Amino acid sequence: MKKKWLNQLVLKVVPTLASIFSNIVGHTTKLQIIAPEDLSHKKALLDWPQGVIYAMWHSRFFYFSYYAKGKKVVTMISSSKDGEFITKTIQKMRLYAIRGSSSKAGKQAMYQMVEVLKENAKVLMLPDGPRGPRHEMKNGVIRLAQLTGRPILPASFSTTSGIFLPSWDRFLLPLPWGKAALVVDKPIFVPPVLTEEEFEQIRLSLQEKLTSLTEEADRICKRNPEKEALFFLRKKR
């Protein structure tokens, strides 16, 4: 009984603190947008009347919870216990969650994502999440684009003030008072019918694009996730 009470308390307090922290980071971060001219300002990036699929690597989504708050953005969150914390947090940021992943409850969650996109929602997909491998594109984001006709908008993020955690994806936890870069490429439309070879070509192309955008964001902010995360790994040993 005591453990259950403690878990409920943590589930209530941690998301509140995380959302407060996200707001502090967002308000104190000086953001630079690097994007095609017609997408180089916040309104253009977040106002898609016909819906859009934002695609970012799992390690770079934290800032987006602040950036897109109140914009009716839907994302797929793991149905694990960790996912419950994330769900509660993004709900406090006025974002929306569909529970499921590539490893659990995936088909039902994908069906729900298709339905909200057909209703012109904006969707955030983390195509190497929730467990990796890191920077390996799973099929879901491309399937969504195929089934709905909505464009995929590849993007990535980095900041001068943040910590690369020693997790499987070298998760970037932004800190306040940073100078950040949000790097965006042009929208990608996926044909509704593809051969297996064509599908794989698009998957690999989008995988390379997201990795390239991430490297560009890190270059602008002068960050190196591999070396910086190793600092924590050495301390563990």
Foldseek 3Di string as FASTA:
>chain_A
DVVVVVLVVCLVPVLVVLLVQLQQQQVQEAEAEAEPPQCRDLCSVLDDQLEAEEEAAPQFCSNVLQSCQPSAEEEEFEPDPVSSSVQSNSVVSNYHYDYHDPVGPPVVSLVVLLVVSNVRGYYYYNQQDDQGQALQGDLSVLLSLLSRQHWYKYKGKDWLAWAQALGNHSHTGGHGNTHMYIYIYDTDHHHNDDDPVRSVVVSVVSSVVNVVNHVVRCVVSVDDSVVRNVVVVVVVD
